[in-house]
């Protein structure tokens, strides 16, 4: 197989993963496509070693994530401004930090969702200062500290945005799900669908 054919096969193998990573972080399909092209251009430059590497998927995901964050860097000053408006550790809502580890995380919801596209669309509708830390935490397995360093915002801001992003995402999914609307109209029997393990929402 020629090198070009091998690379085309490589792209077909990983393009969905790279695009999904980019669109979750950027919330914009067109920009995600641009990032994906940039990632595979870098992969082509490293293809001799990358083509046989068992770490190829991890390398692509890391490059995609970093490229997206660089793309969003012009908004970081705005995030730092908003961080001053968020609650401090002492003022944060009771129990919200524990809820970040709840069994209803977006990653788990994503795995269980019957309609993957609906969740992806809901993620794109979140504001960037909520969507980006939420995706990094739940989909990219980054720690709070890593997210704070990467986005140059406070740890309290990271936790608050993830918590509020999860709440916003949950409300979007509940609002847009026809089945949930029917249940709510019948008395809200499914109100506990997204409750945390301690029974709080």
C-alpha atoms as a PDB file:
ATOM      1  CA  UNK A   1       0.000   0.000   0.000  1.00  0.00           C
ATOM      2  CA  UNK A   2       1.354   3.435  -0.959  1.00  0.00           C
ATOM      3  CA  UNK A   3       2.105   5.974   1.739  1.00  0.00           C
ATOM      4  CA  UNK A   4      -0.778   8.174   0.584  1.00  0.00           C
ATOM      5  CA  UNK A   5      -3.212   5.266   0.810  1.00  0.00           C
ATOM      6  CA  UNK A   6      -1.893   4.332   4.241  1.00  0.00           C
ATOM      7  CA  UNK A   7      -2.372   7.872   5.464  1.00  0.00           C
ATOM      8  CA  UNK A   8      -5.890   8.047   4.038  1.00  0.00           C
ATOM      9  CA  UNK A   9      -6.720   4.842   5.901  1.00  0.00           C
ATOM     10  CA  UNK A  10      -5.179   6.361   9.060  1.00  0.00           C
ATOM     11  CA  UNK A  11      -7.373   9.454   8.698  1.00  0.00           C
ATOM     12  CA  UNK A  12     -10.505   7.350   8.201  1.00  0.00           C
ATOM     13  CA  UNK A  13      -9.702   5.429  11.369  1.00  0.00           C
ATOM     14  CA  UNK A  14      -9.322   8.469  13.613  1.00  0.00           C
ATOM     15  CA  UNK A  15     -11.205  11.333  11.971  1.00  0.00           C
ATOM     16  CA  UNK A  16     -14.423  10.843  13.968  1.00  0.00           C
ATOM     17  CA  UNK A  17     -12.538  10.865  17.274  1.00  0.00           C
ATOM     18  CA  UNK A  18     -10.561  13.997  16.374  1.00  0.00           C
ATOM     19  CA  UNK A  19     -13.626  15.838  15.113  1.00  0.00           C
ATOM     20  CA  UNK A  20     -15.693  14.873  18.167  1.00  0.00           C
ATOM     21  CA  UNK A  21     -12.970  16.164  20.493  1.00  0.00           C
ATOM     22  CA  UNK A  22     -12.787  19.455  18.601  1.00  0.00           C
ATOM     23  CA  UNK A  23     -16.503  20.094  18.254  1.00  0.00           C
ATOM     24  CA  UNK A  24     -17.135  19.476  21.956  1.00  0.00           C
ATOM     25  CA  UNK A  25     -14.523  22.027  22.922  1.00  0.00           C
ATOM     26  CA  UNK A  26     -15.264  24.616  20.254  1.00  0.00           C
ATOM     27  CA  UNK A  27     -19.008  24.168  19.923  1.00  0.00           C
ATOM     28  CA  UNK A  28     -18.727  25.045  16.238  1.00  0.00           C
ATOM     29  CA  UNK A  29     -18.712  22.346  13.527  1.00  0.00           C
ATOM     30  CA  UNK A  30     -16.952  24.485  10.920  1.00  0.00           C
ATOM     31  CA  UNK A  31     -14.165  25.461  13.321  1.00  0.00           C
ATOM     32  CA  UNK A  32     -13.905  21.840  14.462  1.00  0.00           C
ATOM     33  CA  UNK A  33     -13.348  20.760  10.852  1.00  0.00           C
ATOM     34  CA  UNK A  34     -10.561  23.334  10.520  1.00  0.00           C
ATOM     35  CA  UNK A  35      -8.940  22.025  13.683  1.00  0.00           C
ATOM     36  CA  UNK A  36      -9.241  18.435  12.479  1.00  0.00           C
ATOM     37  CA  UNK A  37      -7.498  19.348   9.229  1.00  0.00           C
ATOM     38  CA  UNK A  38      -4.731  21.033  11.186  1.00  0.00           C
ATOM     39  CA  UNK A  39      -4.334  17.987  13.433  1.00  0.00           C
ATOM     40  CA  UNK A  40      -4.030  15.593  10.501  1.00  0.00           C
ATOM     41  CA  UNK A  41      -1.581  17.892   8.775  1.00  0.00           C
ATOM     42  CA  UNK A  42       0.623  17.597  11.857  1.00  0.00           C
ATOM     43  CA  UNK A  43       0.022  13.849  11.854  1.00  0.00           C
ATOM     44  CA  UNK A  44       1.135  13.625   8.229  1.00  0.00           C
ATOM     45  CA  UNK A  45       4.399  15.333   9.138  1.00  0.00           C
ATOM     46  CA  UNK A  46       4.960  12.669  11.830  1.00  0.00           C
ATOM     47  CA  UNK A  47       3.426   9.786   9.925  1.00  0.00           C
ATOM     48  CA  UNK A  48       6.557   7.644   9.609  1.00  0.00           C
ATOM     49  CA  UNK A  49       6.674   7.127  13.366  1.00  0.00           C
ATOM     50  CA  UNK A  50       2.989   7.680  14.111  1.00  0.00           C
ATOM     51  CA  UNK A  51       1.587   5.112  11.674  1.00  0.00           C
ATOM     52  CA  UNK A  52       2.859   2.158  13.694  1.00  0.00           C
ATOM     53  CA  UNK A  53       2.623   3.694  17.147  1.00  0.00           C
ATOM     54  CA  UNK A  54       0.125   2.219  19.631  1.00  0.00           C
ATOM     55  CA  UNK A  55      -0.122   5.718  21.112  1.00  0.00           C
ATOM     56  CA  UNK A  56      -1.406   7.291  17.888  1.00  0.00           C
ATOM     57  CA  UNK A  57      -4.940   7.826  19.205  1.00  0.00           C
ATOM     58  CA  UNK A  58      -3.692   9.508  22.374  1.00  0.00           C
ATOM     59  CA  UNK A  59      -1.306  11.688  20.384  1.00  0.00           C
ATOM     60  CA  UNK A  60      -4.081  12.825  18.047  1.00  0.00           C
ATOM     61  CA  UNK A  61      -6.443  13.566  20.921  1.00  0.00           C
ATOM     62  CA  UNK A  62      -3.814  15.610  22.745  1.00  0.00           C
ATOM     63  CA  UNK A  63      -2.955  17.602  19.638  1.00  0.00           C
ATOM     64  CA  UNK A  64      -6.639  18.189  18.935  1.00  0.00           C
ATOM     65  CA  UNK A  65      -7.256  19.391  22.482  1.00  0.00           C
ATOM     66  CA  UNK A  66      -4.244  21.721  22.480  1.00  0.00           C
ATOM     67  CA  UNK A  67      -5.126  23.110  19.066  1.00  0.00           C
ATOM     68  CA  UNK A  68      -8.658  23.863  20.250  1.00  0.00           C
ATOM     69  CA  UNK A  69      -7.423  25.571  23.401  1.00  0.00           C
ATOM     70  CA  UNK A  70      -5.002  27.679  21.381  1.00  0.00           C
ATOM     71  CA  UNK A  71      -7.884  28.587  19.102  1.00  0.00           C
ATOM     72  CA  UNK A  72      -9.880  29.708  22.131  1.00  0.00           C
ATOM     73  CA  UNK A  73      -6.996  31.584  23.752  1.00  0.00           C
ATOM     74  CA  UNK A  74      -8.359  34.972  22.698  1.00  0.00           C
ATOM     75  CA  UNK A  75     -11.296  34.383  25.079  1.00  0.00           C
ATOM     76  CA  UNK A  76      -9.212  33.555  28.122  1.00  0.00           C
ATOM     77  CA  UNK A  77      -9.043  37.150  29.315  1.00  0.00           C
ATOM     78  CA  UNK A  78     -12.824  37.207  29.284  1.00  0.00           C
ATOM     79  CA  UNK A  79     -12.920  33.995  31.348  1.00  0.00           C
ATOM     80  CA  UNK A  80     -10.556  35.581  33.865  1.00  0.00           C
ATOM     81  CA  UNK A  81     -12.901  38.548  34.100  1.00  0.00           C
ATOM     82  CA  UNK A  82     -15.914  36.282  34.678  1.00  0.00           C
ATOM     83  CA  UNK A  83     -13.988  34.366  37.325  1.00  0.00           C
ATOM     84  CA  UNK A  84     -14.172  37.451  39.521  1.00  0.00           C
ATOM     85  CA  UNK A  85     -17.968  37.299  39.295  1.00  0.00           C
ATOM     86  CA  UNK A  86     -18.293  33.643  40.315  1.00  0.00           C
ATOM     87  CA  UNK A  87     -18.744  32.469  43.902  1.00  0.00           C
ATOM     88  CA  UNK A  88     -15.711  31.875  46.040  1.00  0.00           C
ATOM     89  CA  UNK A  89     -15.081  28.540  47.708  1.00  0.00           C
ATOM     90  CA  UNK A  90     -16.916  29.818  50.770  1.00  0.00           C
ATOM     91  CA  UNK A  91     -19.891  31.102  48.762  1.00  0.00           C
ATOM     92  CA  UNK A  92     -20.356  28.111  46.469  1.00  0.00           C
ATOM     93  CA  UNK A  93     -23.652  26.285  46.561  1.00  0.00           C
ATOM     94  CA  UNK A  94     -23.794  23.627  49.319  1.00  0.00           C
ATOM     95  CA  UNK A  95     -22.898  20.177  48.081  1.00  0.00           C
ATOM     96  CA  UNK A  96     -22.100  21.254  44.547  1.00  0.00           C
ATOM     97  CA  UNK A  97     -18.511  19.970  44.558  1.00  0.00           C
ATOM     98  CA  UNK A  98     -19.647  16.479  45.488  1.00  0.00           C
ATOM     99  CA  UNK A  99     -22.184  16.591  42.687  1.00  0.00           C
ATOM    100  CA  UNK A 100     -19.369  16.924  40.153  1.00  0.00           C
ATOM    101  CA  UNK A 101     -18.520  13.294  40.795  1.00  0.00           C
ATOM    102  CA  UNK A 102     -22.145  12.148  40.498  1.00  0.00           C
ATOM    103  CA  UNK A 103     -23.211   9.136  38.510  1.00  0.00           C
ATOM    104  CA  UNK A 104     -25.082  11.403  36.097  1.00  0.00           C
ATOM    105  CA  UNK A 105     -21.970  13.011  34.633  1.00  0.00           C
ATOM    106  CA  UNK A 106     -22.225  14.103  30.987  1.00  0.00           C
ATOM    107  CA  UNK A 107     -19.729  11.404  30.024  1.00  0.00           C
ATOM    108  CA  UNK A 108     -21.980   8.698  31.518  1.00  0.00           C
ATOM    109  CA  UNK A 109     -25.071  10.328  30.052  1.00  0.00           C
ATOM    110  CA  UNK A 110     -23.286  10.409  26.707  1.00  0.00           C
ATOM    111  CA  UNK A 111     -22.645   6.677  26.848  1.00  0.00           C
ATOM    112  CA  UNK A 112     -26.248   5.919  27.733  1.00  0.00           C
ATOM    113  CA  UNK A 113     -28.004   8.462  25.518  1.00  0.00           C
ATOM    114  CA  UNK A 114     -30.262   7.053  22.840  1.00  0.00           C
ATOM    115  CA  UNK A 115     -29.720  10.160  20.764  1.00  0.00           C
ATOM    116  CA  UNK A 116     -26.027  11.060  20.673  1.00  0.00           C
ATOM    117  CA  UNK A 117     -26.612  13.995  18.344  1.00  0.00           C
ATOM    118  CA  UNK A 118     -29.015  15.583  20.845  1.00  0.00           C
ATOM    119  CA  UNK A 119     -26.360  15.637  23.540  1.00  0.00           C
ATOM    120  CA  UNK A 120     -23.725  16.962  21.151  1.00  0.00           C
ATOM    121  CA  UNK A 121     -26.075  19.776  20.152  1.00  0.00           C
ATOM    122  CA  UNK A 122     -26.778  20.576  23.791  1.00  0.00           C
ATOM    123  CA  UNK A 123     -23.046  20.762  24.532  1.00  0.00           C
ATOM    124  CA  UNK A 124     -22.598  23.252  21.688  1.00  0.00           C
ATOM    125  CA  UNK A 125     -25.266  25.497  23.178  1.00  0.00           C
ATOM    126  CA  UNK A 126     -23.411  25.941  26.455  1.00  0.00           C
ATOM    127  CA  UNK A 127     -21.370  29.131  26.820  1.00  0.00           C
ATOM    128  CA  UNK A 128     -17.676  28.570  26.237  1.00  0.00           C
ATOM    129  CA  UNK A 129     -16.681  29.272  29.832  1.00  0.00           C
ATOM    130  CA  UNK A 130     -18.886  26.326  30.906  1.00  0.00           C
ATOM    131  CA  UNK A 131     -18.486  24.008  27.932  1.00  0.00           C
ATOM    132  CA  UNK A 132     -14.691  23.934  27.771  1.00  0.00           C
ATOM    133  CA  UNK A 133     -13.952  22.973  31.411  1.00  0.00           C
ATOM    134  CA  UNK A 134     -16.915  20.576  31.351  1.00  0.00           C
ATOM    135  CA  UNK A 135     -15.566  18.759  28.287  1.00  0.00           C
ATOM    136  CA  UNK A 136     -12.018  18.728  29.620  1.00  0.00           C
ATOM    137  CA  UNK A 137     -13.153  17.249  32.931  1.00  0.00           C
ATOM    138  CA  UNK A 138     -15.743  14.710  31.808  1.00  0.00           C
ATOM    139  CA  UNK A 139     -14.547  13.777  28.325  1.00  0.00           C
ATOM    140  CA  UNK A 140     -10.802  14.400  28.421  1.00  0.00           C
ATOM    141  CA  UNK A 141     -10.209  13.182  32.008  1.00  0.00           C
ATOM    142  CA  UNK A 142      -8.373  16.346  33.010  1.00  0.00           C
ATOM    143  CA  UNK A 143      -8.205  17.186  36.717  1.00  0.00           C
ATOM    144  CA  UNK A 144      -9.496  20.447  38.173  1.00  0.00           C
ATOM    145  CA  UNK A 145      -5.911  21.587  38.664  1.00  0.00           C
ATOM    146  CA  UNK A 146      -4.957  20.792  35.068  1.00  0.00           C
ATOM    147  CA  UNK A 147      -7.977  22.687  33.758  1.00  0.00           C
ATOM    148  CA  UNK A 148      -7.215  25.691  35.958  1.00  0.00           C
ATOM    149  CA  UNK A 149      -3.611  25.802  34.701  1.00  0.00           C
ATOM    150  CA  UNK A 150      -4.607  25.299  31.075  1.00  0.00           C
ATOM    151  CA  UNK A 151      -7.322  27.963  31.045  1.00  0.00           C
ATOM    152  CA  UNK A 152      -5.487  30.265  33.483  1.00  0.00           C
ATOM    153  CA  UNK A 153      -8.468  30.608  35.759  1.00  0.00           C
ATOM    154  CA  UNK A 154      -8.942  29.894  39.454  1.00  0.00           C
ATOM    155  CA  UNK A 155      -9.684  26.444  40.822  1.00  0.00           C
ATOM    156  CA  UNK A 156     -12.937  27.753  42.309  1.00  0.00           C
ATOM    157  CA  UNK A 157     -13.944  29.058  38.881  1.00  0.00           C
ATOM    158  CA  UNK A 158     -13.260  25.657  37.292  1.00  0.00           C
ATOM    159  CA  UNK A 159     -15.441  23.842  39.829  1.00  0.00           C
ATOM    160  CA  UNK A 160     -18.223  26.393  39.592  1.00  0.00           C
ATOM    161  CA  UNK A 161     -18.292  26.357  35.789  1.00  0.00           C
ATOM    162  CA  UNK A 162     -18.313  22.561  35.632  1.00  0.00           C
ATOM    163  CA  UNK A 163     -21.153  22.411  38.146  1.00  0.00           C
ATOM    164  CA  UNK A 164     -23.198  25.083  36.383  1.00  0.00           C
ATOM    165  CA  UNK A 165     -22.405  23.603  32.992  1.00  0.00           C
ATOM    166  CA  UNK A 166     -23.698  20.221  34.127  1.00  0.00           C
ATOM    167  CA  UNK A 167     -26.889  21.807  35.424  1.00  0.00           C
ATOM    168  CA  UNK A 168     -27.385  23.748  32.194  1.00  0.00           C
ATOM    169  CA  UNK A 169     -26.717  20.656  30.091  1.00  0.00           C
ATOM    170  CA  UNK A 170     -29.140  18.600  32.163  1.00  0.00           C
ATOM    171  CA  UNK A 171     -31.860  21.241  31.744  1.00  0.00           C
ATOM    172  CA  UNK A 172     -31.284  21.432  27.997  1.00  0.00           C
ATOM    173  CA  UNK A 173     -31.595  17.667  27.671  1.00  0.00           C
ATOM    174  CA  UNK A 174     -34.712  17.551  29.816  1.00  0.00           C
ATOM    175  CA  UNK A 175     -36.320  20.445  27.956  1.00  0.00           C
ATOM    176  CA  UNK A 176     -35.569  19.087  24.498  1.00  0.00           C
ATOM    177  CA  UNK A 177     -36.519  15.481  25.221  1.00  0.00           C
ATOM    178  CA  UNK A 178     -40.136  14.965  24.061  1.00  0.00           C
ATOM    179  CA  UNK A 179     -40.530  12.007  26.414  1.00  0.00           C
ATOM    180  CA  UNK A 180     -39.512  14.143  29.388  1.00  0.00           C
ATOM    181  CA  UNK A 181     -41.916  16.881  28.356  1.00  0.00           C
ATOM    182  CA  UNK A 182     -44.730  14.338  28.297  1.00  0.00           C
ATOM    183  CA  UNK A 183     -43.729  12.983  31.705  1.00  0.00           C
ATOM    184  CA  UNK A 184     -43.514  16.469  33.162  1.00  0.00           C
ATOM    185  CA  UNK A 185     -46.959  17.196  31.821  1.00  0.00           C
ATOM    186  CA  UNK A 186     -48.194  14.052  33.538  1.00  0.00           C
ATOM    187  CA  UNK A 187     -46.870  14.995  36.936  1.00  0.00           C
ATOM    188  CA  UNK A 188     -43.104  14.851  36.548  1.00  0.00           C
ATOM    189  CA  UNK A 189     -42.698  11.184  37.486  1.00  0.00           C
ATOM    190  CA  UNK A 190     -39.219  11.197  35.922  1.00  0.00           C
ATOM    191  CA  UNK A 191     -37.985  14.203  37.873  1.00  0.00           C
ATOM    192  CA  UNK A 192     -35.381  12.027  39.559  1.00  0.00           C
ATOM    193  CA  UNK A 193     -33.708  10.985  36.313  1.00  0.00           C
ATOM    194  CA  UNK A 194     -30.710  13.245  36.817  1.00  0.00           C
ATOM    195  CA  UNK A 195     -30.509  13.211  40.611  1.00  0.00           C
ATOM    196  CA  UNK A 196     -27.144  12.718  42.239  1.00  0.00           C
ATOM    197  CA  UNK A 197     -26.377   9.777  44.478  1.00  0.00           C
ATOM    198  CA  UNK A 198     -27.349  11.725  47.613  1.00  0.00           C
ATOM    199  CA  UNK A 199     -30.755  12.489  46.123  1.00  0.00           C
ATOM    200  CA  UNK A 200     -30.021  16.173  45.396  1.00  0.00           C
ATOM    201  CA  UNK A 201     -30.238  17.702  41.941  1.00  0.00           C
END
